[in-house]
Amino acid sequence: MTTQKIDGVSVQTQANVYFDGKCVSHSLTYPDGTRKSVGVVLPATLTFGTDASEIMECVAGGCEYKLAGTDQWVSVAPGDAFKVPAQSSFDIRVAEAFHYICHYG
């Protein structure tokens, strides 16, 4: 099920802007300290690095991703998610805007 709404969080009002504006997100913090980010990746092919493990949830649009150390591109659509290990990276190809929630592990 695709997340439609997130209640009870603090929102960092200044956007996180990456790759010359190809990715823009806002950080969310829950009362218990759990962090997530909500954002959009515009059409591009990009490489993201991870510190913590991440689950990337597609809420609108779609993308293809490839985890570090693999050669396979995998398609993601609304309602799908993929996990990225900590201290790793992934490539992402976006043809139309990819709206996501990043759940940090």
Protein backbone atom coordinates (compact mmCIF):
# COMPACT_ATOMS: atom_id res chain seq x y z
CA MET A 1 0.00 0.00 0.00
CA THR A 2 1.30 3.44 -0.92
CA THR A 3 1.70 5.94 1.92
CA GLN A 4 -0.74 8.80 1.30
CA LYS A 5 -0.24 10.96 4.40
CA ILE A 6 2.22 11.25 7.29
CA ASP A 7 0.89 12.70 10.56
CA GLY A 8 2.60 13.82 13.77
CA VAL A 9 6.01 14.79 12.38
CA SER A 10 8.30 17.80 12.40
CA VAL A 11 9.26 19.02 8.93
CA GLN A 12 12.53 20.71 8.07
CA THR A 13 11.31 23.64 5.97
CA GLN A 14 14.53 24.13 4.02
CA ALA A 15 14.72 21.64 1.18
CA ASN A 16 17.61 19.24 0.60
CA VAL A 17 18.64 19.93 -3.01
CA TYR A 18 20.95 17.48 -4.78
CA PHE A 19 22.37 17.10 -8.29
CA ASP A 20 21.67 20.70 -9.38
CA GLY A 21 18.00 20.41 -8.46
CA LYS A 22 17.36 16.98 -10.01
CA CYS A 23 16.46 15.69 -6.52
CA VAL A 24 14.66 17.76 -3.90
CA SER A 25 13.47 16.43 -0.53
CA HIS A 26 12.36 17.52 2.93
CA SER A 27 13.44 15.80 6.14
CA LEU A 28 10.80 14.55 8.58
CA THR A 29 11.35 13.64 12.22
CA TYR A 30 8.89 11.64 14.33
CA PRO A 31 8.48 12.29 18.07
CA ASP A 32 10.54 9.14 18.80
CA GLY A 33 13.45 10.47 16.69
CA THR A 34 12.79 8.29 13.63
CA ARG A 35 13.77 10.11 10.43
CA LYS A 36 12.41 9.93 6.90
CA SER A 37 12.61 12.15 3.85
CA VAL A 38 9.94 12.90 1.28
CA GLY A 39 10.94 14.10 -2.15
CA VAL A 40 11.01 13.93 -5.90
CA VAL A 41 13.66 12.99 -8.44
CA LEU A 42 13.26 14.67 -11.82
CA PRO A 43 14.25 12.97 -15.12
CA ALA A 44 17.91 11.99 -14.84
CA THR A 45 20.32 9.12 -14.21
CA LEU A 46 21.97 9.59 -10.80
CA THR A 47 24.04 7.72 -8.21
CA PHE A 48 23.17 8.03 -4.51
CA GLY A 49 25.35 6.88 -1.62
CA THR A 50 23.93 5.65 1.68
CA ASP A 51 25.17 5.99 5.24
CA ALA A 52 22.29 4.13 6.93
CA SER A 53 20.19 1.44 5.26
CA GLU A 54 17.26 2.87 3.32
CA ILE A 55 13.92 1.71 2.00
CA MET A 56 12.86 3.79 -0.98
CA GLU A 57 9.05 3.76 -1.33
CA CYS A 58 7.54 4.92 -4.62
CA VAL A 59 4.43 7.03 -4.02
CA ALA A 60 3.98 8.36 -7.59
CA GLY A 61 5.72 8.10 -10.92
CA GLY A 62 8.36 5.43 -11.21
CA CYS A 63 12.02 4.67 -11.79
CA GLU A 64 14.54 1.98 -12.47
CA TYR A 65 17.28 1.29 -9.93
CA LYS A 66 20.46 -0.79 -9.78
CA LEU A 67 22.12 -1.62 -6.47
CA ALA A 68 25.91 -1.36 -6.14
CA GLY A 69 27.62 -4.55 -7.24
CA THR A 70 24.77 -5.65 -9.51
CA ASP A 71 24.15 -5.25 -13.24
CA GLN A 72 20.36 -5.59 -13.18
CA TRP A 73 18.04 -2.59 -13.52
CA VAL A 74 14.74 -3.12 -11.66
CA SER A 75 11.54 -1.15 -12.36
CA VAL A 76 9.58 0.44 -9.51
CA ALA A 77 6.00 1.78 -9.68
CA PRO A 78 3.66 3.34 -7.10
CA GLY A 79 3.25 0.99 -4.14
CA ASP A 80 6.64 -0.66 -4.74
CA ALA A 81 9.73 -0.21 -2.59
CA PHE A 82 13.36 -1.28 -2.65
CA LYS A 83 15.97 -1.65 0.09
CA VAL A 84 19.49 -0.28 -0.08
CA PRO A 85 22.12 -1.49 2.42
CA ALA A 86 24.05 0.89 4.67
CA GLN A 87 27.41 2.13 3.40
CA SER A 88 26.45 1.35 -0.18
CA SER A 89 25.05 3.09 -3.25
CA PHE A 90 22.47 2.75 -5.98
CA ASP A 91 21.96 4.13 -9.47
CA ILE A 92 18.53 5.46 -10.39
CA ARG A 93 17.07 6.21 -13.83
CA VAL A 94 14.00 8.43 -13.93
CA ALA A 95 12.04 9.20 -17.11
CA GLU A 96 9.20 11.08 -15.39
CA ALA A 97 9.09 12.56 -11.89
CA PHE A 98 9.66 9.88 -9.20
CA HIS A 99 7.97 10.81 -5.91
CA TYR A 100 9.32 8.89 -2.93
CA ILE A 101 9.55 8.42 0.80
CA CYS A 102 12.96 7.38 2.08
CA HIS A 103 12.66 5.30 5.26
CA TYR A 104 16.02 5.28 7.05
CA GLY A 105 17.00 2.09 8.84
